[in-house]
Amino acid sequence: MIQNKMAIQLIWGTALVAAGVGIFIALPQKMAQLSQMDYTDFYILFTRLCFYLIALLLIGGGSKKLYDTYRIWDEARPKGQPKAGSKAGPKE
């Protein structure tokens, strides 16, 4: 059961980070479209600030979720197994 929960948390954290990165990638094009409309500079600046803040929060939250999931997985593994990412085999 814990493996299913960890898999869901891993997918959710990855989706959050991907959404944040997607906002960073798409934002310059959307701001160019917004600049062509008849809005004040303050409105455009405020909108840009809000979207960058949302992107940072998504990336930060997803990164924290991925880190916490990795830490829980690392604590739950049996003691004889190597840590994730290490190339060393089990100690004999």
PDB file of N, CA and C in Angstrom:
ATOM      1  N   MET A   1       0.810  -1.192   0.000  1.00  0.00           N
ATOM      2  CA  MET A   1       0.000   0.000   0.000  1.00  0.00           C
ATOM      3  C   MET A   1       0.859   1.265   0.000  1.00  0.00           C
ATOM      4  N   ILE A   2       1.945   1.215   0.752  1.00  0.00           N
ATOM      5  CA  ILE A   2       2.806   2.396   0.814  1.00  0.00           C
ATOM      6  C   ILE A   2       3.475   2.649  -0.545  1.00  0.00           C
ATOM      7  N   GLN A   3       3.727   1.581  -1.306  1.00  0.00           N
ATOM      8  CA  GLN A   3       4.323   1.755  -2.630  1.00  0.00           C
ATOM      9  C   GLN A   3       3.374   2.500  -3.567  1.00  0.00           C
ATOM     10  N   ASN A   4       2.064   2.198  -3.488  1.00  0.00           N
ATOM     11  CA  ASN A   4       1.082   2.900  -4.316  1.00  0.00           C
ATOM     12  C   ASN A   4       1.022   4.373  -3.959  1.00  0.00           C
ATOM     13  N   LYS A   5       1.025   4.668  -2.662  1.00  0.00           N
ATOM     14  CA  LYS A   5       0.980   6.059  -2.221  1.00  0.00           C
ATOM     15  C   LYS A   5       2.231   6.807  -2.657  1.00  0.00           C
ATOM     16  N   MET A   6       3.377   6.159  -2.546  1.00  0.00           N
ATOM     17  CA  MET A   6       4.618   6.819  -2.956  1.00  0.00           C
ATOM     18  C   MET A   6       4.641   7.054  -4.464  1.00  0.00           C
ATOM     19  N   ALA A   7       4.102   6.117  -5.236  1.00  0.00           N
ATOM     20  CA  ALA A   7       4.052   6.292  -6.689  1.00  0.00           C
ATOM     21  C   ALA A   7       3.142   7.464  -7.054  1.00  0.00           C
ATOM     22  N   ILE A   8       2.008   7.571  -6.373  1.00  0.00           N
ATOM     23  CA  ILE A   8       1.095   8.685  -6.639  1.00  0.00           C
ATOM     24  C   ILE A   8       1.749  10.009  -6.262  1.00  0.00           C
ATOM     25  N   GLN A   9       2.440  10.056  -5.131  1.00  0.00           N
ATOM     26  CA  GLN A   9       3.118  11.273  -4.709  1.00  0.00           C
ATOM     27  C   GLN A   9       4.228  11.660  -5.688  1.00  0.00           C
ATOM     28  N   LEU A  10       4.919  10.665  -6.206  1.00  0.00           N
ATOM     29  CA  LEU A  10       5.980  10.918  -7.179  1.00  0.00           C
ATOM     30  C   LEU A  10       5.396  11.500  -8.467  1.00  0.00           C
ATOM     31  N   ILE A  11       4.300  10.928  -8.934  1.00  0.00           N
ATOM     32  CA  ILE A  11       3.650  11.439 -10.151  1.00  0.00           C
ATOM     33  C   ILE A  11       3.113  12.843  -9.916  1.00  0.00           C
ATOM     34  N   TRP A  12       2.497  13.064  -8.760  1.00  0.00           N
ATOM     35  CA  TRP A  12       1.943  14.378  -8.448  1.00  0.00           C
ATOM     36  C   TRP A  12       3.045  15.435  -8.352  1.00  0.00           C
ATOM     37  N   GLY A  13       4.140  15.125  -7.709  1.00  0.00           N
ATOM     38  CA  GLY A  13       5.251  16.072  -7.615  1.00  0.00           C
ATOM     39  C   GLY A  13       5.842  16.397  -8.977  1.00  0.00           C
ATOM     40  N   THR A  14       5.969  15.384  -9.813  1.00  0.00           N
ATOM     41  CA  THR A  14       6.481  15.599 -11.169  1.00  0.00           C
ATOM     42  C   THR A  14       5.525  16.471 -11.976  1.00  0.00           C
ATOM     43  N   ALA A  15       4.219  16.249 -11.812  1.00  0.00           N
ATOM     44  CA  ALA A  15       3.231  17.060 -12.534  1.00  0.00           C
ATOM     45  C   ALA A  15       3.283  18.519 -12.080  1.00  0.00           C
ATOM     46  N   LEU A  16       3.474  18.754 -10.793  1.00  0.00           N
ATOM     47  CA  LEU A  16       3.569  20.129 -10.292  1.00  0.00           C
ATOM     48  C   LEU A  16       4.781  20.849 -10.875  1.00  0.00           C
ATOM     49  N   VAL A  17       5.924  20.163 -10.874  1.00  0.00           N
ATOM     50  CA  VAL A  17       7.139  20.772 -11.430  1.00  0.00           C
ATOM     51  C   VAL A  17       6.952  21.030 -12.929  1.00  0.00           C
ATOM     52  N   ALA A  18       6.351  20.081 -13.645  1.00  0.00           N
ATOM     53  CA  ALA A  18       6.135  20.255 -15.088  1.00  0.00           C
ATOM     54  C   ALA A  18       5.188  21.417 -15.368  1.00  0.00           C
ATOM     55  N   ALA A  19       4.156  21.588 -14.550  1.00  0.00           N
ATOM     56  CA  ALA A  19       3.233  22.710 -14.740  1.00  0.00           C
ATOM     57  C   ALA A  19       3.948  24.044 -14.513  1.00  0.00           C
ATOM     58  N   GLY A  20       4.790  24.108 -13.497  1.00  0.00           N
ATOM     59  CA  GLY A  20       5.541  25.337 -13.231  1.00  0.00           C
ATOM     60  C   GLY A  20       6.501  25.680 -14.358  1.00  0.00           C
ATOM     61  N   VAL A  21       7.192  24.675 -14.851  1.00  0.00           N
ATOM     62  CA  VAL A  21       8.115  24.902 -15.975  1.00  0.00           C
ATOM     63  C   VAL A  21       7.332  25.308 -17.220  1.00  0.00           C
ATOM     64  N   GLY A  22       6.168  24.701 -17.423  1.00  0.00           N
ATOM     65  CA  GLY A  22       5.326  25.052 -18.570  1.00  0.00           C
ATOM     66  C   GLY A  22       4.882  26.506 -18.531  1.00  0.00           C
ATOM     67  N   ILE A  23       4.585  27.002 -17.344  1.00  0.00           N
ATOM     68  CA  ILE A  23       4.209  28.415 -17.227  1.00  0.00           C
ATOM     69  C   ILE A  23       5.391  29.298 -17.584  1.00  0.00           C
ATOM     70  N   PHE A  24       6.600  28.952 -17.103  1.00  0.00           N
ATOM     71  CA  PHE A  24       7.782  29.746 -17.448  1.00  0.00           C
ATOM     72  C   PHE A  24       8.030  29.769 -18.948  1.00  0.00           C
ATOM     73  N   ILE A  25       7.782  28.643 -19.609  1.00  0.00           N
ATOM     74  CA  ILE A  25       8.035  28.566 -21.050  1.00  0.00           C
ATOM     75  C   ILE A  25       6.979  29.338 -21.840  1.00  0.00           C
ATOM     76  N   ALA A  26       5.712  29.239 -21.443  1.00  0.00           N
ATOM     77  CA  ALA A  26       4.625  29.855 -22.208  1.00  0.00           C
ATOM     78  C   ALA A  26       4.412  31.331 -21.894  1.00  0.00           C
ATOM     79  N   LEU A  27       4.906  31.792 -20.765  1.00  0.00           N
ATOM     80  CA  LEU A  27       4.609  33.153 -20.326  1.00  0.00           C
ATOM     81  C   LEU A  27       5.101  34.255 -21.271  1.00  0.00           C
ATOM     82  N   PRO A  28       6.308  34.196 -21.816  1.00  0.00           N
ATOM     83  CA  PRO A  28       6.724  35.293 -22.710  1.00  0.00           C
ATOM     84  C   PRO A  28       5.803  35.459 -23.925  1.00  0.00           C
ATOM     85  N   GLN A  29       5.343  34.366 -24.486  1.00  0.00           N
ATOM     86  CA  GLN A  29       4.439  34.464 -25.640  1.00  0.00           C
ATOM     87  C   GLN A  29       3.096  35.064 -25.231  1.00  0.00           C
ATOM     88  N   LYS A  30       2.578  34.657 -24.091  1.00  0.00           N
ATOM     89  CA  LYS A  30       1.290  35.194 -23.626  1.00  0.00           C
ATOM     90  C   LYS A  30       1.415  36.671 -23.262  1.00  0.00           C
ATOM     91  N   MET A  31       2.544  37.070 -22.713  1.00  0.00           N
ATOM     92  CA  MET A  31       2.738  38.479 -22.373  1.00  0.00           C
ATOM     93  C   MET A  31       2.839  39.337 -23.635  1.00  0.00           C
ATOM     94  N   ALA A  32       3.417  38.782 -24.689  1.00  0.00           N
ATOM     95  CA  ALA A  32       3.468  39.517 -25.953  1.00  0.00           C
ATOM     96  C   ALA A  32       2.056  39.733 -26.496  1.00  0.00           C
ATOM     97  N   GLN A  33       1.214  38.723 -26.369  1.00  0.00           N
ATOM     98  CA  GLN A  33      -0.180  38.875 -26.800  1.00  0.00           C
ATOM     99  C   GLN A  33      -0.915  39.887 -25.931  1.00  0.00           C
ATOM    100  N   LEU A  34      -0.647  39.872 -24.639  1.00  0.00           N
ATOM    101  CA  LEU A  34      -1.292  40.801 -23.725  1.00  0.00           C
ATOM    102  C   LEU A  34      -0.826  42.234 -23.988  1.00  0.00           C
ATOM    103  N   SER A  35       0.405  42.404 -24.388  1.00  0.00           N
ATOM    104  CA  SER A  35       0.933  43.743 -24.678  1.00  0.00           C
ATOM    105  C   SER A  35       0.269  44.363 -25.897  1.00  0.00           C
ATOM    106  N   GLN A  36      -0.180  43.535 -26.825  1.00  0.00           N
ATOM    107  CA  GLN A  36      -0.833  44.051 -28.031  1.00  0.00           C
ATOM    108  C   GLN A  36      -2.235  44.588 -27.730  1.00  0.00           C
ATOM    109  N   MET A  37      -2.823  44.138 -26.649  1.00  0.00           N
ATOM    110  CA  MET A  37      -4.142  44.636 -26.267  1.00  0.00           C
ATOM    111  C   MET A  37      -3.984  45.990 -25.577  1.00  0.00           C
ATOM    112  N   ASP A  38      -5.066  46.640 -25.377  1.00  0.00           N
ATOM    113  CA  ASP A  38      -5.030  47.987 -24.810  1.00  0.00           C
ATOM    114  C   ASP A  38      -5.144  47.935 -23.285  1.00  0.00           C
ATOM    115  N   TYR A  39      -4.053  47.518 -22.635  1.00  0.00           N
ATOM    116  CA  TYR A  39      -4.001  47.476 -21.178  1.00  0.00           C
ATOM    117  C   TYR A  39      -2.870  48.375 -20.695  1.00  0.00           C
ATOM    118  N   THR A  40      -2.974  48.817 -19.459  1.00  0.00           N
ATOM    119  CA  THR A  40      -1.930  49.686 -18.904  1.00  0.00           C
ATOM    120  C   THR A  40      -0.689  48.856 -18.580  1.00  0.00           C
ATOM    121  N   ASP A  41       0.433  49.555 -18.452  1.00  0.00           N
ATOM    122  CA  ASP A  41       1.686  48.883 -18.121  1.00  0.00           C
ATOM    123  C   ASP A  41       1.631  48.243 -16.735  1.00  0.00           C
ATOM    124  N   PHE A  42       0.938  48.892 -15.811  1.00  0.00           N
ATOM    125  CA  PHE A  42       0.812  48.329 -14.465  1.00  0.00           C
ATOM    126  C   PHE A  42       0.072  46.994 -14.512  1.00  0.00           C
ATOM    127  N   TYR A  43      -0.992  46.913 -15.280  1.00  0.00           N
ATOM    128  CA  TYR A  43      -1.766  45.676 -15.382  1.00  0.00           C
ATOM    129  C   TYR A  43      -0.904  44.556 -15.960  1.00  0.00           C
ATOM    130  N   ILE A  44      -0.146  44.849 -16.988  1.00  0.00           N
ATOM    131  CA  ILE A  44       0.717  43.839 -17.612  1.00  0.00           C
ATOM    132  C   ILE A  44       1.808  43.398 -16.639  1.00  0.00           C
ATOM    133  N   LEU A  45       2.430  44.338 -15.943  1.00  0.00           N
ATOM    134  CA  LEU A  45       3.473  44.012 -14.968  1.00  0.00           C
ATOM    135  C   LEU A  45       2.911  43.177 -13.814  1.00  0.00           C
ATOM    136  N   PHE A  46       1.735  43.558 -13.320  1.00  0.00           N
ATOM    137  CA  PHE A  46       1.105  42.819 -12.229  1.00  0.00           C
ATOM    138  C   PHE A  46       0.752  41.395 -12.666  1.00  0.00           C
ATOM    139  N   THR A  47       0.238  41.245 -13.866  1.00  0.00           N
ATOM    140  CA  THR A  47      -0.109  39.921 -14.390  1.00  0.00           C
ATOM    141  C   THR A  47       1.141  39.062 -14.539  1.00  0.00           C
ATOM    142  N   ARG A  48       2.194  39.644 -15.058  1.00  0.00           N
ATOM    143  CA  ARG A  48       3.450  38.911 -15.214  1.00  0.00           C
ATOM    144  C   ARG A  48       4.001  38.463 -13.863  1.00  0.00           C
ATOM    145  N   LEU A  49       3.977  39.357 -12.882  1.00  0.00           N
ATOM    146  CA  LEU A  49       4.446  39.036 -11.542  1.00  0.00           C
ATOM    147  C   LEU A  49       3.634  37.888 -10.937  1.00  0.00           C
ATOM    148  N   CYS A  50       2.319  37.939 -11.084  1.00  0.00           N
ATOM    149  CA  CYS A  50       1.459  36.882 -10.527  1.00  0.00           C
ATOM    150  C   CYS A  50       1.742  35.535 -11.173  1.00  0.00           C
ATOM    151  N   PHE A  51       1.895  35.502 -12.481  1.00  0.00           N
ATOM    152  CA  PHE A  51       2.157  34.227 -13.149  1.00  0.00           C
ATOM    153  C   PHE A  51       3.529  33.664 -12.793  1.00  0.00           C
ATOM    154  N   TYR A  52       4.536  34.526 -12.680  1.00  0.00           N
ATOM    155  CA  TYR A  52       5.847  34.040 -12.249  1.00  0.00           C
ATOM    156  C   TYR A  52       5.800  33.529 -10.810  1.00  0.00           C
ATOM    157  N   LEU A  53       5.039  34.183  -9.946  1.00  0.00           N
ATOM    158  CA  LEU A  53       4.891  33.710  -8.575  1.00  0.00           C
ATOM    159  C   LEU A  53       4.195  32.351  -8.534  1.00  0.00           C
ATOM    160  N   ILE A  54       3.155  32.175  -9.346  1.00  0.00           N
ATOM    161  CA  ILE A  54       2.470  30.883  -9.427  1.00  0.00           C
ATOM    162  C   ILE A  54       3.438  29.806  -9.903  1.00  0.00           C
ATOM    163  N   ALA A  55       4.236  30.121 -10.922  1.00  0.00           N
ATOM    164  CA  ALA A  55       5.194  29.140 -11.450  1.00  0.00           C
ATOM    165  C   ALA A  55       6.219  28.758 -10.386  1.00  0.00           C
ATOM    166  N   LEU A  56       6.729  29.744  -9.663  1.00  0.00           N
ATOM    167  CA  LEU A  56       7.701  29.446  -8.604  1.00  0.00           C
ATOM    168  C   LEU A  56       7.086  28.591  -7.500  1.00  0.00           C
ATOM    169  N   LEU A  57       5.849  28.881  -7.130  1.00  0.00           N
ATOM    170  CA  LEU A  57       5.189  28.084  -6.103  1.00  0.00           C
ATOM    171  C   LEU A  57       4.951  26.644  -6.574  1.00  0.00           C
ATOM    172  N   LEU A  58       4.574  26.470  -7.829  1.00  0.00           N
ATOM    173  CA  LEU A  58       4.387  25.123  -8.369  1.00  0.00           C
ATOM    174  C   LEU A  58       5.689  24.338  -8.382  1.00  0.00           C
ATOM    175  N   ILE A  59       6.751  24.973  -8.845  1.00  0.00           N
ATOM    176  CA  ILE A  59       8.049  24.293  -8.895  1.00  0.00           C
ATOM    177  C   ILE A  59       8.545  23.997  -7.482  1.00  0.00           C
ATOM    178  N   GLY A  60       8.404  24.952  -6.581  1.00  0.00           N
ATOM    179  CA  GLY A  60       8.838  24.737  -5.200  1.00  0.00           C
ATOM    180  C   GLY A  60       8.043  23.640  -4.507  1.00  0.00           C
ATOM    181  N   GLY A  61       6.728  23.657  -4.667  1.00  0.00           N
ATOM    182  CA  GLY A  61       5.887  22.637  -4.048  1.00  0.00           C
ATOM    183  C   GLY A  61       6.139  21.251  -4.620  1.00  0.00           C
ATOM    184  N   GLY A  62       6.305  21.177  -5.932  1.00  0.00           N
ATOM    185  CA  GLY A  62       6.602  19.889  -6.561  1.00  0.00           C
ATOM    186  C   GLY A  62       7.963  19.359  -6.164  1.00  0.00           C
ATOM    187  N   SER A  63       8.940  20.246  -6.062  1.00  0.00           N
ATOM    188  CA  SER A  63      10.277  19.828  -5.642  1.00  0.00           C
ATOM    189  C   SER A  63      10.266  19.320  -4.209  1.00  0.00           C
ATOM    190  N   LYS A  64       9.530  19.988  -3.346  1.00  0.00           N
ATOM    191  CA  LYS A  64       9.427  19.549  -1.954  1.00  0.00           C
ATOM    192  C   LYS A  64       8.750  18.182  -1.876  1.00  0.00           C
ATOM    193  N   LYS A  65       7.698  17.992  -2.657  1.00  0.00           N
ATOM    194  CA  LYS A  65       6.996  16.713  -2.657  1.00  0.00           C
ATOM    195  C   LYS A  65       7.912  15.601  -3.166  1.00  0.00           C
ATOM    196  N   LEU A  66       8.688  15.869  -4.206  1.00  0.00           N
ATOM    197  CA  LEU A  66       9.621  14.867  -4.722  1.00  0.00           C
ATOM    198  C   LEU A  66      10.705  14.554  -3.691  1.00  0.00           C
ATOM    199  N   TYR A  67      11.216  15.575  -3.030  1.00  0.00           N
ATOM    200  CA  TYR A  67      12.250  15.369  -2.014  1.00  0.00           C
ATOM    201  C   TYR A  67      11.712  14.562  -0.837  1.00  0.00           C
ATOM    202  N   ASP A  68      10.518  14.923  -0.368  1.00  0.00           N
ATOM    203  CA  ASP A  68       9.922  14.192   0.758  1.00  0.00           C
ATOM    204  C   ASP A  68       9.643  12.745   0.392  1.00  0.00           C
ATOM    205  N   THR A  69       9.166  12.504  -0.819  1.00  0.00           N
ATOM    206  CA  THR A  69       8.897  11.137  -1.263  1.00  0.00           C
ATOM    207  C   THR A  69      10.194  10.341  -1.337  1.00  0.00           C
ATOM    208  N   TYR A  70      11.244  10.964  -1.839  1.00  0.00           N
ATOM    209  CA  TYR A  70      12.545  10.285  -1.891  1.00  0.00           C
ATOM    210  C   TYR A  70      13.027   9.963  -0.487  1.00  0.00           C
ATOM    211  N   ARG A  71      12.874  10.902   0.441  1.00  0.00           N
ATOM    212  CA  ARG A  71      13.330  10.691   1.813  1.00  0.00           C
ATOM    213  C   ARG A  71      12.545   9.567   2.496  1.00  0.00           C
ATOM    214  N   ILE A  72      11.239   9.517   2.297  1.00  0.00           N
ATOM    215  CA  ILE A  72      10.423   8.445   2.877  1.00  0.00           C
ATOM    216  C   ILE A  72      10.811   7.108   2.266  1.00  0.00           C
ATOM    217  N   TRP A  73      11.025   7.078   0.961  1.00  0.00           N
ATOM    218  CA  TRP A  73      11.427   5.846   0.293  1.00  0.00           C
ATOM    219  C   TRP A  73      12.785   5.388   0.813  1.00  0.00           C
ATOM    220  N   ASP A  74      13.686   6.337   1.028  1.00  0.00           N
ATOM    221  CA  ASP A  74      15.023   6.001   1.507  1.00  0.00           C
ATOM    222  C   ASP A  74      14.970   5.426   2.927  1.00  0.00           C
ATOM    223  N   GLU A  75      14.088   5.944   3.766  1.00  0.00           N
ATOM    224  CA  GLU A  75      13.956   5.430   5.131  1.00  0.00           C
ATOM    225  C   GLU A  75      13.244   4.076   5.165  1.00  0.00           C
ATOM    226  N   ALA A  76      12.366   3.809   4.187  1.00  0.00           N
ATOM    227  CA  ALA A  76      11.566   2.588   4.197  1.00  0.00           C
ATOM    228  C   ALA A  76      12.301   1.387   3.605  1.00  0.00           C
ATOM    229  N   ARG A  77      13.368   1.627   2.892  1.00  0.00           N
ATOM    230  CA  ARG A  77      14.059   0.507   2.257  1.00  0.00           C
ATOM    231  C   ARG A  77      14.785  -0.330   3.304  1.00  0.00           C
ATOM    232  N   PRO A  78      14.955  -1.610   3.041  1.00  0.00           N
ATOM    233  CA  PRO A  78      15.702  -2.459   3.985  1.00  0.00           C
ATOM    234  C   PRO A  78      17.136  -1.975   4.130  1.00  0.00           C
ATOM    235  N   LYS A  79      17.720  -2.229   5.288  1.00  0.00           N
ATOM    236  CA  LYS A  79      19.045  -1.680   5.616  1.00  0.00           C
ATOM    237  C   LYS A  79      20.158  -2.232   4.738  1.00  0.00           C
ATOM    238  N   GLY A  80      20.030  -3.446   4.206  1.00  0.00           N
ATOM    239  CA  GLY A  80      21.103  -4.028   3.422  1.00  0.00           C
ATOM    240  C   GLY A  80      21.173  -3.532   1.989  1.00  0.00           C
ATOM    241  N   GLN A  81      20.128  -2.857   1.519  1.00  0.00           N
ATOM    242  CA  GLN A  81      20.102  -2.398   0.140  1.00  0.00           C
ATOM    243  C   GLN A  81      20.853  -1.077   0.003  1.00  0.00           C
ATOM    244  N   PRO A  82      21.462  -0.855  -1.165  1.00  0.00           N
ATOM    245  CA  PRO A  82      22.169   0.419  -1.364  1.00  0.00           C
ATOM    246  C   PRO A  82      21.181   1.567  -1.489  1.00  0.00           C
ATOM    247  N   LYS A  83      21.648   2.772  -1.219  1.00  0.00           N
ATOM    248  CA  LYS A  83      20.822   3.958  -1.361  1.00  0.00           C
ATOM    249  C   LYS A  83      20.525   4.193  -2.832  1.00  0.00           C
ATOM    250  N   ALA A  84      19.477   4.945  -3.086  1.00  0.00           N
ATOM    251  CA  ALA A  84      19.104   5.256  -4.460  1.00  0.00           C
ATOM    252  C   ALA A  84      20.212   6.068  -5.107  1.00  0.00           C
ATOM    253  N   GLY A  85      20.589   5.692  -6.296  1.00  0.00           N
ATOM    254  CA  GLY A  85      21.612   6.415  -7.031  1.00  0.00           C
ATOM    255  C   GLY A  85      23.020   5.950  -6.761  1.00  0.00           C
ATOM    256  N   SER A  86      23.235   5.118  -5.755  1.00  0.00           N
ATOM    257  CA  SER A  86      24.604   4.646  -5.507  1.00  0.00           C
ATOM    258  C   SER A  86      24.853   3.382  -6.304  1.00  0.00           C
ATOM    259  N   LYS A  87      26.082   3.168  -6.682  1.00  0.00           N
ATOM    260  CA  LYS A  87      26.438   2.016  -7.509  1.00  0.00           C
ATOM    261  C   LYS A  87      26.974   0.865  -6.667  1.00  0.00           C
ATOM    262  N   ALA A  88      27.102   1.085  -5.376  1.00  0.00           N
ATOM    263  CA  ALA A  88      27.629   0.036  -4.500  1.00  0.00           C
ATOM    264  C   ALA A  88      26.567  -1.015  -4.243  1.00  0.00           C
ATOM    265  N   GLY A  89      26.972  -2.245  -4.164  1.00  0.00           N
ATOM    266  CA  GLY A  89      26.058  -3.341  -3.883  1.00  0.00           C
ATOM    267  C   GLY A  89      25.825  -3.461  -2.391  1.00  0.00           C
ATOM    268  N   PRO A  90      25.026  -4.461  -1.997  1.00  0.00           N
ATOM    269  CA  PRO A  90      24.778  -4.640  -0.562  1.00  0.00           C
ATOM    270  C   PRO A  90      26.049  -5.018   0.183  1.00  0.00           C
ATOM    271  N   LYS A  91      26.136  -4.577   1.413  1.00  0.00           N
ATOM    272  CA  LYS A  91      27.300  -4.883   2.226  1.00  0.00           C
ATOM    273  C   LYS A  91      27.213  -6.324   2.703  1.00  0.00           C
ATOM    274  N   GLU A  92      28.338  -6.992   2.679  1.00  0.00           N
ATOM    275  CA  GLU A  92      28.348  -8.401   3.084  1.00  0.00           C
ATOM    276  C   GLU A  92      29.097  -8.588   4.371  1.00  0.00           C
TER     277      GLU A  92
END
